[in-house]
Amino acid sequence: MIMDRSKLWVVVLVFVLVFLQYRLWFESGGIIDMLRIKKQLALQQQVNDKLKKRNEKLTEQVQYLQASNEAVEARARGELGMIKKNETFYQVVK
């Protein structure tokens, strides 16, 4: 009878261990879920770094345009086709 109780406890403890291991590995918030989220985090950080560099370049351009009238004029001439008074515009077609 004592032997039967100890075997029963071993079976119960093994069952509890298996149950807890299953929850640890496979349920929401478990190790597999954590590894997937870590991978997503690494990818998102790469995207964020690229966007941060792009934003820094745009900020530099904005600061340059705010500080320099010549830069604004050059951009207006190139992108918008600005012409000053008493200037003649020549368009070269290739």
PDB file of N, CA and C in Angstrom:
ATOM      1  N   MET A   1       0.807  -1.183   0.000  1.00  0.00           N
ATOM      2  CA  MET A   1       0.000   0.000   0.000  1.00  0.00           C
ATOM      3  C   MET A   1       0.866   1.270   0.000  1.00  0.00           C
ATOM      4  N   ILE A   2       1.951   1.264   0.759  1.00  0.00           N
ATOM      5  CA  ILE A   2       2.864   2.402   0.774  1.00  0.00           C
ATOM      6  C   ILE A   2       3.515   2.549  -0.594  1.00  0.00           C
ATOM      7  N   MET A   3       3.838   1.462  -1.225  1.00  0.00           N
ATOM      8  CA  MET A   3       4.444   1.485  -2.532  1.00  0.00           C
ATOM      9  C   MET A   3       3.473   2.062  -3.567  1.00  0.00           C
ATOM     10  N   ASP A   4       2.198   1.720  -3.423  1.00  0.00           N
ATOM     11  CA  ASP A   4       1.194   2.221  -4.342  1.00  0.00           C
ATOM     12  C   ASP A   4       1.036   3.736  -4.213  1.00  0.00           C
ATOM     13  N   ARG A   5       1.095   4.248  -2.984  1.00  0.00           N
ATOM     14  CA  ARG A   5       0.966   5.691  -2.771  1.00  0.00           C
ATOM     15  C   ARG A   5       2.166   6.425  -3.366  1.00  0.00           C
ATOM     16  N   SER A   6       3.358   5.902  -3.189  1.00  0.00           N
ATOM     17  CA  SER A   6       4.545   6.574  -3.730  1.00  0.00           C
ATOM     18  C   SER A   6       4.511   6.556  -5.256  1.00  0.00           C
ATOM     19  N   LYS A   7       4.033   5.460  -5.856  1.00  0.00           N
ATOM     20  CA  LYS A   7       3.898   5.418  -7.316  1.00  0.00           C
ATOM     21  C   LYS A   7       2.852   6.425  -7.783  1.00  0.00           C
ATOM     22  N   LEU A   8       1.776   6.528  -7.029  1.00  0.00           N
ATOM     23  CA  LEU A   8       0.731   7.483  -7.371  1.00  0.00           C
ATOM     24  C   LEU A   8       1.274   8.914  -7.317  1.00  0.00           C
ATOM     25  N   TRP A   9       2.051   9.230  -6.291  1.00  0.00           N
ATOM     26  CA  TRP A   9       2.656  10.560  -6.179  1.00  0.00           C
ATOM     27  C   TRP A   9       3.614  10.840  -7.327  1.00  0.00           C
ATOM     28  N   VAL A  10       4.368   9.840  -7.709  1.00  0.00           N
ATOM     29  CA  VAL A  10       5.305  10.010  -8.828  1.00  0.00           C
ATOM     30  C   VAL A  10       4.527  10.305 -10.104  1.00  0.00           C
ATOM     31  N   VAL A  11       3.455   9.561 -10.326  1.00  0.00           N
ATOM     32  CA  VAL A  11       2.632   9.777 -11.521  1.00  0.00           C
ATOM     33  C   VAL A  11       2.011  11.181 -11.490  1.00  0.00           C
ATOM     34  N   VAL A  12       1.494  11.571 -10.336  1.00  0.00           N
ATOM     35  CA  VAL A  12       0.887  12.899 -10.203  1.00  0.00           C
ATOM     36  C   VAL A  12       1.935  13.984 -10.445  1.00  0.00           C
ATOM     37  N   LEU A  13       3.106  13.844  -9.863  1.00  0.00           N
ATOM     38  CA  LEU A  13       4.165  14.844 -10.034  1.00  0.00           C
ATOM     39  C   LEU A  13       4.650  14.913 -11.475  1.00  0.00           C
ATOM     40  N   VAL A  14       4.757  13.767 -12.123  1.00  0.00           N
ATOM     41  CA  VAL A  14       5.159  13.759 -13.534  1.00  0.00           C
ATOM     42  C   VAL A  14       4.084  14.453 -14.374  1.00  0.00           C
ATOM     43  N   PHE A  15       2.826  14.177 -14.088  1.00  0.00           N
ATOM     44  CA  PHE A  15       1.737  14.831 -14.802  1.00  0.00           C
ATOM     45  C   PHE A  15       1.790  16.354 -14.604  1.00  0.00           C
ATOM     46  N   VAL A  16       1.994  16.786 -13.373  1.00  0.00           N
ATOM     47  CA  VAL A  16       2.090  18.222 -13.081  1.00  0.00           C
ATOM     48  C   VAL A  16       3.273  18.830 -13.814  1.00  0.00           C
ATOM     49  N   LEU A  17       4.402  18.146 -13.827  1.00  0.00           N
ATOM     50  CA  LEU A  17       5.594  18.636 -14.525  1.00  0.00           C
ATOM     51  C   LEU A  17       5.329  18.771 -16.024  1.00  0.00           C
ATOM     52  N   VAL A  18       4.724  17.768 -16.620  1.00  0.00           N
ATOM     53  CA  VAL A  18       4.413  17.818 -18.052  1.00  0.00           C
ATOM     54  C   VAL A  18       3.438  18.958 -18.335  1.00  0.00           C
ATOM     55  N   PHE A  19       2.426  19.107 -17.511  1.00  0.00           N
ATOM     56  CA  PHE A  19       1.441  20.163 -17.674  1.00  0.00           C
ATOM     57  C   PHE A  19       2.107  21.536 -17.604  1.00  0.00           C
ATOM     58  N   LEU A  20       2.968  21.743 -16.626  1.00  0.00           N
ATOM     59  CA  LEU A  20       3.641  23.032 -16.470  1.00  0.00           C
ATOM     60  C   LEU A  20       4.617  23.301 -17.621  1.00  0.00           C
ATOM     61  N   GLN A  21       5.294  22.265 -18.073  1.00  0.00           N
ATOM     62  CA  GLN A  21       6.209  22.425 -19.205  1.00  0.00           C
ATOM     63  C   GLN A  21       5.436  22.795 -20.474  1.00  0.00           C
ATOM     64  N   TYR A  22       4.299  22.156 -20.669  1.00  0.00           N
ATOM     65  CA  TYR A  22       3.470  22.488 -21.831  1.00  0.00           C
ATOM     66  C   TYR A  22       3.076  23.960 -21.793  1.00  0.00           C
ATOM     67  N   ARG A  23       2.608  24.402 -20.643  1.00  0.00           N
ATOM     68  CA  ARG A  23       2.213  25.811 -20.506  1.00  0.00           C
ATOM     69  C   ARG A  23       3.407  26.734 -20.713  1.00  0.00           C
ATOM     70  N   LEU A  24       4.562  26.363 -20.182  1.00  0.00           N
ATOM     71  CA  LEU A  24       5.762  27.187 -20.308  1.00  0.00           C
ATOM     72  C   LEU A  24       6.167  27.357 -21.764  1.00  0.00           C
ATOM     73  N   TRP A  25       6.065  26.299 -22.540  1.00  0.00           N
ATOM     74  CA  TRP A  25       6.551  26.340 -23.916  1.00  0.00           C
ATOM     75  C   TRP A  25       5.505  26.772 -24.933  1.00  0.00           C
ATOM     76  N   PHE A  26       4.293  26.294 -24.821  1.00  0.00           N
ATOM     77  CA  PHE A  26       3.356  26.407 -25.936  1.00  0.00           C
ATOM     78  C   PHE A  26       2.189  27.371 -25.748  1.00  0.00           C
ATOM     79  N   GLU A  27       1.831  27.744 -24.560  1.00  0.00           N
ATOM     80  CA  GLU A  27       0.693  28.635 -24.383  1.00  0.00           C
ATOM     81  C   GLU A  27       1.086  30.081 -24.631  1.00  0.00           C
ATOM     82  N   SER A  28       0.077  30.924 -24.752  1.00  0.00           N
ATOM     83  CA  SER A  28       0.303  32.347 -24.977  1.00  0.00           C
ATOM     84  C   SER A  28       1.157  32.919 -23.845  1.00  0.00           C
ATOM     85  N   GLY A  29       2.190  33.636 -24.225  1.00  0.00           N
ATOM     86  CA  GLY A  29       3.107  34.195 -23.236  1.00  0.00           C
ATOM     87  C   GLY A  29       4.215  33.233 -22.855  1.00  0.00           C
ATOM     88  N   GLY A  30       4.269  32.089 -23.515  1.00  0.00           N
ATOM     89  CA  GLY A  30       5.302  31.098 -23.223  1.00  0.00           C
ATOM     90  C   GLY A  30       6.604  31.408 -23.954  1.00  0.00           C
ATOM     91  N   ILE A  31       7.520  30.482 -23.887  1.00  0.00           N
ATOM     92  CA  ILE A  31       8.852  30.681 -24.456  1.00  0.00           C
ATOM     93  C   ILE A  31       8.797  30.831 -25.970  1.00  0.00           C
ATOM     94  N   ILE A  32       8.025  30.009 -26.648  1.00  0.00           N
ATOM     95  CA  ILE A  32       7.933  30.114 -28.109  1.00  0.00           C
ATOM     96  C   ILE A  32       7.338  31.463 -28.503  1.00  0.00           C
ATOM     97  N   ASP A  33       6.344  31.890 -27.794  1.00  0.00           N
ATOM     98  CA  ASP A  33       5.741  33.196 -28.033  1.00  0.00           C
ATOM     99  C   ASP A  33       6.768  34.304 -27.807  1.00  0.00           C
ATOM    100  N   MET A  34       7.550  34.188 -26.760  1.00  0.00           N
ATOM    101  CA  MET A  34       8.571  35.179 -26.454  1.00  0.00           C
ATOM    102  C   MET A  34       9.627  35.242 -27.556  1.00  0.00           C
ATOM    103  N   LEU A  35      10.054  34.101 -28.075  1.00  0.00           N
ATOM    104  CA  LEU A  35      11.056  34.078 -29.141  1.00  0.00           C
ATOM    105  C   LEU A  35      10.521  34.733 -30.411  1.00  0.00           C
ATOM    106  N   ARG A  36       9.253  34.485 -30.729  1.00  0.00           N
ATOM    107  CA  ARG A  36       8.630  35.095 -31.896  1.00  0.00           C
ATOM    108  C   ARG A  36       8.568  36.615 -31.729  1.00  0.00           C
ATOM    109  N   ILE A  37       8.216  37.066 -30.548  1.00  0.00           N
ATOM    110  CA  ILE A  37       8.120  38.501 -30.286  1.00  0.00           C
ATOM    111  C   ILE A  37       9.501  39.157 -30.327  1.00  0.00           C
ATOM    112  N   LYS A  38      10.520  38.465 -29.834  1.00  0.00           N
ATOM    113  CA  LYS A  38      11.886  39.008 -29.903  1.00  0.00           C
ATOM    114  C   LYS A  38      12.327  39.198 -31.351  1.00  0.00           C
ATOM    115  N   LYS A  39      11.973  38.242 -32.203  1.00  0.00           N
ATOM    116  CA  LYS A  39      12.317  38.350 -33.620  1.00  0.00           C
ATOM    117  C   LYS A  39      11.593  39.533 -34.253  1.00  0.00           C
ATOM    118  N   GLN A  40      10.307  39.699 -33.935  1.00  0.00           N
ATOM    119  CA  GLN A  40       9.544  40.837 -34.442  1.00  0.00           C
ATOM    120  C   GLN A  40      10.130  42.155 -33.949  1.00  0.00           C
ATOM    121  N   LEU A  41      10.560  42.171 -32.701  1.00  0.00           N
ATOM    122  CA  LEU A  41      11.151  43.374 -32.121  1.00  0.00           C
ATOM    123  C   LEU A  41      12.427  43.759 -32.859  1.00  0.00           C
ATOM    124  N   ALA A  42      13.266  42.778 -33.159  1.00  0.00           N
ATOM    125  CA  ALA A  42      14.516  43.051 -33.874  1.00  0.00           C
ATOM    126  C   ALA A  42      14.221  43.627 -35.258  1.00  0.00           C
ATOM    127  N   LEU A  43      13.241  43.058 -35.961  1.00  0.00           N
ATOM    128  CA  LEU A  43      12.879  43.581 -37.280  1.00  0.00           C
ATOM    129  C   LEU A  43      12.328  44.997 -37.183  1.00  0.00           C
ATOM    130  N   GLN A  44      11.489  45.244 -36.188  1.00  0.00           N
ATOM    131  CA  GLN A  44      10.913  46.569 -36.027  1.00  0.00           C
ATOM    132  C   GLN A  44      11.981  47.594 -35.671  1.00  0.00           C
ATOM    133  N   GLN A  45      12.979  47.198 -34.894  1.00  0.00           N
ATOM    134  CA  GLN A  45      14.063  48.116 -34.555  1.00  0.00           C
ATOM    135  C   GLN A  45      14.870  48.487 -35.796  1.00  0.00           C
ATOM    136  N   GLN A  46      15.053  47.539 -36.711  1.00  0.00           N
ATOM    137  CA  GLN A  46      15.745  47.852 -37.960  1.00  0.00           C
ATOM    138  C   GLN A  46      14.958  48.859 -38.776  1.00  0.00           C
ATOM    139  N   VAL A  47      13.651  48.647 -38.869  1.00  0.00           N
ATOM    140  CA  VAL A  47      12.797  49.580 -39.599  1.00  0.00           C
ATOM    141  C   VAL A  47      12.847  50.954 -38.936  1.00  0.00           C
ATOM    142  N   ASN A  48      12.780  50.983 -37.621  1.00  0.00           N
ATOM    143  CA  ASN A  48      12.828  52.256 -36.885  1.00  0.00           C
ATOM    144  C   ASN A  48      14.142  52.984 -37.112  1.00  0.00           C
ATOM    145  N   ASP A  49      15.251  52.241 -37.147  1.00  0.00           N
ATOM    146  CA  ASP A  49      16.563  52.857 -37.385  1.00  0.00           C
ATOM    147  C   ASP A  49      16.624  53.500 -38.774  1.00  0.00           C
ATOM    148  N   LYS A  50      16.089  52.801 -39.784  1.00  0.00           N
ATOM    149  CA  LYS A  50      16.077  53.364 -41.141  1.00  0.00           C
ATOM    150  C   LYS A  50      15.231  54.633 -41.181  1.00  0.00           C
ATOM    151  N   LEU A  51      14.076  54.586 -40.532  1.00  0.00           N
ATOM    152  CA  LEU A  51      13.204  55.753 -40.517  1.00  0.00           C
ATOM    153  C   LEU A  51      13.827  56.906 -39.731  1.00  0.00           C
ATOM    154  N   LYS A  52      14.532  56.582 -38.669  1.00  0.00           N
ATOM    155  CA  LYS A  52      15.203  57.626 -37.882  1.00  0.00           C
ATOM    156  C   LYS A  52      16.269  58.333 -38.722  1.00  0.00           C
ATOM    157  N   LYS A  53      17.049  57.564 -39.500  1.00  0.00           N
ATOM    158  CA  LYS A  53      18.067  58.168 -40.368  1.00  0.00           C
ATOM    159  C   LYS A  53      17.413  59.051 -41.423  1.00  0.00           C
ATOM    160  N   ARG A  54      16.309  58.561 -42.003  1.00  0.00           N
ATOM    161  CA  ARG A  54      15.590  59.354 -43.005  1.00  0.00           C
ATOM    162  C   ARG A  54      15.070  60.652 -42.396  1.00  0.00           C
ATOM    163  N   ASN A  55      14.523  60.562 -41.201  1.00  0.00           N
ATOM    164  CA  ASN A  55      14.008  61.759 -40.524  1.00  0.00           C
ATOM    165  C   ASN A  55      15.122  62.753 -40.213  1.00  0.00           C
ATOM    166  N   GLU A  56      16.289  62.234 -39.828  1.00  0.00           N
ATOM    167  CA  GLU A  56      17.426  63.119 -39.552  1.00  0.00           C
ATOM    168  C   GLU A  56      17.845  63.866 -40.815  1.00  0.00           C
ATOM    169  N   LYS A  57      17.863  63.161 -41.958  1.00  0.00           N
ATOM    170  CA  LYS A  57      18.215  63.822 -43.220  1.00  0.00           C
ATOM    171  C   LYS A  57      17.186  64.891 -43.572  1.00  0.00           C
ATOM    172  N   LEU A  58      15.907  64.565 -43.384  1.00  0.00           N
ATOM    173  CA  LEU A  58      14.862  65.541 -43.678  1.00  0.00           C
ATOM    174  C   LEU A  58      14.950  66.752 -42.744  1.00  0.00           C
ATOM    175  N   THR A  59      15.264  66.509 -41.487  1.00  0.00           N
ATOM    176  CA  THR A  59      15.426  67.611 -40.535  1.00  0.00           C
ATOM    177  C   THR A  59      16.580  68.514 -40.951  1.00  0.00           C
ATOM    178  N   GLU A  60      17.682  67.909 -41.400  1.00  0.00           N
ATOM    179  CA  GLU A  60      18.822  68.707 -41.883  1.00  0.00           C
ATOM    180  C   GLU A  60      18.418  69.546 -43.084  1.00  0.00           C
ATOM    181  N   GLN A  61      17.647  68.956 -44.005  1.00  0.00           N
ATOM    182  CA  GLN A  61      17.194  69.711 -45.172  1.00  0.00           C
ATOM    183  C   GLN A  61      16.299  70.870 -44.772  1.00  0.00           C
ATOM    184  N   VAL A  62      15.393  70.628 -43.840  1.00  0.00           N
ATOM    185  CA  VAL A  62      14.493  71.689 -43.379  1.00  0.00           C
ATOM    186  C   VAL A  62      15.293  72.815 -42.731  1.00  0.00           C
ATOM    187  N   GLN A  63      16.245  72.469 -41.888  1.00  0.00           N
ATOM    188  CA  GLN A  63      17.060  73.490 -41.226  1.00  0.00           C
ATOM    189  C   GLN A  63      17.869  74.282 -42.255  1.00  0.00           C
ATOM    190  N   TYR A  64      18.389  73.597 -43.254  1.00  0.00           N
ATOM    191  CA  TYR A  64      19.158  74.266 -44.301  1.00  0.00           C
ATOM    192  C   TYR A  64      18.264  75.219 -45.085  1.00  0.00           C
ATOM    193  N   LEU A  65      17.060  74.762 -45.422  1.00  0.00           N
ATOM    194  CA  LEU A  65      16.136  75.615 -46.170  1.00  0.00           C
ATOM    195  C   LEU A  65      15.667  76.807 -45.334  1.00  0.00           C
ATOM    196  N   GLN A  66      15.511  76.622 -44.032  1.00  0.00           N
ATOM    197  CA  GLN A  66      15.096  77.721 -43.161  1.00  0.00           C
ATOM    198  C   GLN A  66      16.209  78.744 -42.998  1.00  0.00           C
ATOM    199  N   ALA A  67      17.447  78.305 -43.068  1.00  0.00           N
ATOM    200  CA  ALA A  67      18.576  79.186 -42.806  1.00  0.00           C
ATOM    201  C   ALA A  67      19.064  79.904 -44.063  1.00  0.00           C
ATOM    202  N   SER A  68      18.763  79.371 -45.232  1.00  0.00           N
ATOM    203  CA  SER A  68      19.378  79.907 -46.441  1.00  0.00           C
ATOM    204  C   SER A  68      18.318  80.250 -47.488  1.00  0.00           C
ATOM    205  N   ASN A  69      18.267  81.531 -47.862  1.00  0.00           N
ATOM    206  CA  ASN A  69      17.361  81.944 -48.934  1.00  0.00           C
ATOM    207  C   ASN A  69      17.819  81.395 -50.282  1.00  0.00           C
ATOM    208  N   GLU A  70      19.114  81.269 -50.450  1.00  0.00           N
ATOM    209  CA  GLU A  70      19.634  80.745 -51.709  1.00  0.00           C
ATOM    210  C   GLU A  70      19.194  79.298 -51.927  1.00  0.00           C
ATOM    211  N   ALA A  71      19.144  78.538 -50.859  1.00  0.00           N
ATOM    212  CA  ALA A  71      18.712  77.148 -50.976  1.00  0.00           C
ATOM    213  C   ALA A  71      17.241  77.080 -51.380  1.00  0.00           C
ATOM    214  N   VAL A  72      16.438  77.967 -50.811  1.00  0.00           N
ATOM    215  CA  VAL A  72      15.020  78.008 -51.165  1.00  0.00           C
ATOM    216  C   VAL A  72      14.869  78.411 -52.625  1.00  0.00           C
ATOM    217  N   GLU A  73      15.638  79.407 -53.044  1.00  0.00           N
ATOM    218  CA  GLU A  73      15.569  79.857 -54.436  1.00  0.00           C
ATOM    219  C   GLU A  73      16.015  78.755 -55.396  1.00  0.00           C
ATOM    220  N   ALA A  74      17.078  78.069 -55.076  1.00  0.00           N
ATOM    221  CA  ALA A  74      17.569  76.987 -55.943  1.00  0.00           C
ATOM    222  C   ALA A  74      16.533  75.872 -56.046  1.00  0.00           C
ATOM    223  N   ARG A  75      15.919  75.564 -54.953  1.00  0.00           N
ATOM    224  CA  ARG A  75      14.890  74.514 -54.970  1.00  0.00           C
ATOM    225  C   ARG A  75      13.662  74.972 -55.772  1.00  0.00           C
ATOM    226  N   ALA A  76      13.268  76.213 -55.599  1.00  0.00           N
ATOM    227  CA  ALA A  76      12.124  76.744 -56.341  1.00  0.00           C
ATOM    228  C   ALA A  76      12.419  76.780 -57.834  1.00  0.00           C
ATOM    229  N   ARG A  77      13.641  77.126 -58.193  1.00  0.00           N
ATOM    230  CA  ARG A  77      14.005  77.149 -59.608  1.00  0.00           C
ATOM    231  C   ARG A  77      14.013  75.738 -60.194  1.00  0.00           C
ATOM    232  N   GLY A  78      14.588  74.811 -59.457  1.00  0.00           N
ATOM    233  CA  GLY A  78      14.724  73.458 -59.978  1.00  0.00           C
ATOM    234  C   GLY A  78      13.424  72.678 -60.005  1.00  0.00           C
ATOM    235  N   GLU A  79      12.645  72.777 -58.954  1.00  0.00           N
ATOM    236  CA  GLU A  79      11.443  71.947 -58.833  1.00  0.00           C
ATOM    237  C   GLU A  79      10.178  72.643 -59.327  1.00  0.00           C
ATOM    238  N   LEU A  80      10.127  73.968 -59.177  1.00  0.00           N
ATOM    239  CA  LEU A  80       8.898  74.680 -59.517  1.00  0.00           C
ATOM    240  C   LEU A  80       9.032  75.557 -60.765  1.00  0.00           C
ATOM    241  N   GLY A  81      10.243  75.665 -61.283  1.00  0.00           N
ATOM    242  CA  GLY A  81      10.454  76.463 -62.493  1.00  0.00           C
ATOM    243  C   GLY A  81      10.353  77.954 -62.253  1.00  0.00           C
ATOM    244  N   MET A  82      10.810  78.411 -61.106  1.00  0.00           N
ATOM    245  CA  MET A  82      10.740  79.829 -60.774  1.00  0.00           C
ATOM    246  C   MET A  82      11.657  80.637 -61.689  1.00  0.00           C
ATOM    247  N   ILE A  83      11.133  81.794 -62.132  1.00  0.00           N
ATOM    248  CA  ILE A  83      11.910  82.707 -62.970  1.00  0.00           C
ATOM    249  C   ILE A  83      11.781  84.090 -62.341  1.00  0.00           C
ATOM    250  N   LYS A  84      12.909  84.782 -62.200  1.00  0.00           N
ATOM    251  CA  LYS A  84      12.874  86.146 -61.659  1.00  0.00           C
ATOM    252  C   LYS A  84      12.464  87.127 -62.755  1.00  0.00           C
ATOM    253  N   LYS A  85      12.107  88.326 -62.329  1.00  0.00           N
ATOM    254  CA  LYS A  85      11.795  89.387 -63.291  1.00  0.00           C
ATOM    255  C   LYS A  85      13.041  89.678 -64.121  1.00  0.00           C
ATOM    256  N   ASN A  86      12.805  90.000 -65.361  1.00  0.00           N
ATOM    257  CA  ASN A  86      13.865  90.362 -66.306  1.00  0.00           C
ATOM    258  C   ASN A  86      14.804  89.213 -66.602  1.00  0.00           C
ATOM    259  N   GLU A  87      14.391  87.974 -66.360  1.00  0.00           N
ATOM    260  CA  GLU A  87      15.180  86.806 -66.750  1.00  0.00           C
ATOM    261  C   GLU A  87      14.513  86.152 -67.955  1.00  0.00           C
ATOM    262  N   THR A  88      15.331  85.529 -68.762  1.00  0.00           N
ATOM    263  CA  THR A  88      14.814  84.820 -69.917  1.00  0.00           C
ATOM    264  C   THR A  88      14.979  83.330 -69.654  1.00  0.00           C
ATOM    265  N   PHE A  89      13.916  82.617 -69.906  1.00  0.00           N
ATOM    266  CA  PHE A  89      13.930  81.163 -69.660  1.00  0.00           C
ATOM    267  C   PHE A  89      14.165  80.439 -70.974  1.00  0.00           C
ATOM    268  N   TYR A  90      15.153  79.541 -70.970  1.00  0.00           N
ATOM    269  CA  TYR A  90      15.429  78.710 -72.134  1.00  0.00           C
ATOM    270  C   TYR A  90      15.229  77.263 -71.727  1.00  0.00           C
ATOM    271  N   GLN A  91      14.479  76.543 -72.516  1.00  0.00           N
ATOM    272  CA  GLN A  91      14.259  75.117 -72.228  1.00  0.00           C
ATOM    273  C   GLN A  91      14.937  74.331 -73.340  1.00  0.00           C
ATOM    274  N   VAL A  92      15.858  73.466 -72.949  1.00  0.00           N
ATOM    275  CA  VAL A  92      16.587  72.648 -73.899  1.00  0.00           C
ATOM    276  C   VAL A  92      15.929  71.285 -73.943  1.00  0.00           C
ATOM    277  N   VAL A  93      15.487  70.908 -75.136  1.00  0.00           N
ATOM    278  CA  VAL A  93      14.822  69.626 -75.307  1.00  0.00           C
ATOM    279  C   VAL A  93      15.795  68.672 -75.976  1.00  0.00           C
ATOM    280  N   LYS A  94      15.982  67.510 -75.394  1.00  0.00           N
ATOM    281  CA  LYS A  94      16.923  66.540 -75.977  1.00  0.00           C
ATOM    282  C   LYS A  94      16.196  65.488 -76.757  1.00  0.00           C
TER     283      LYS A  94
END
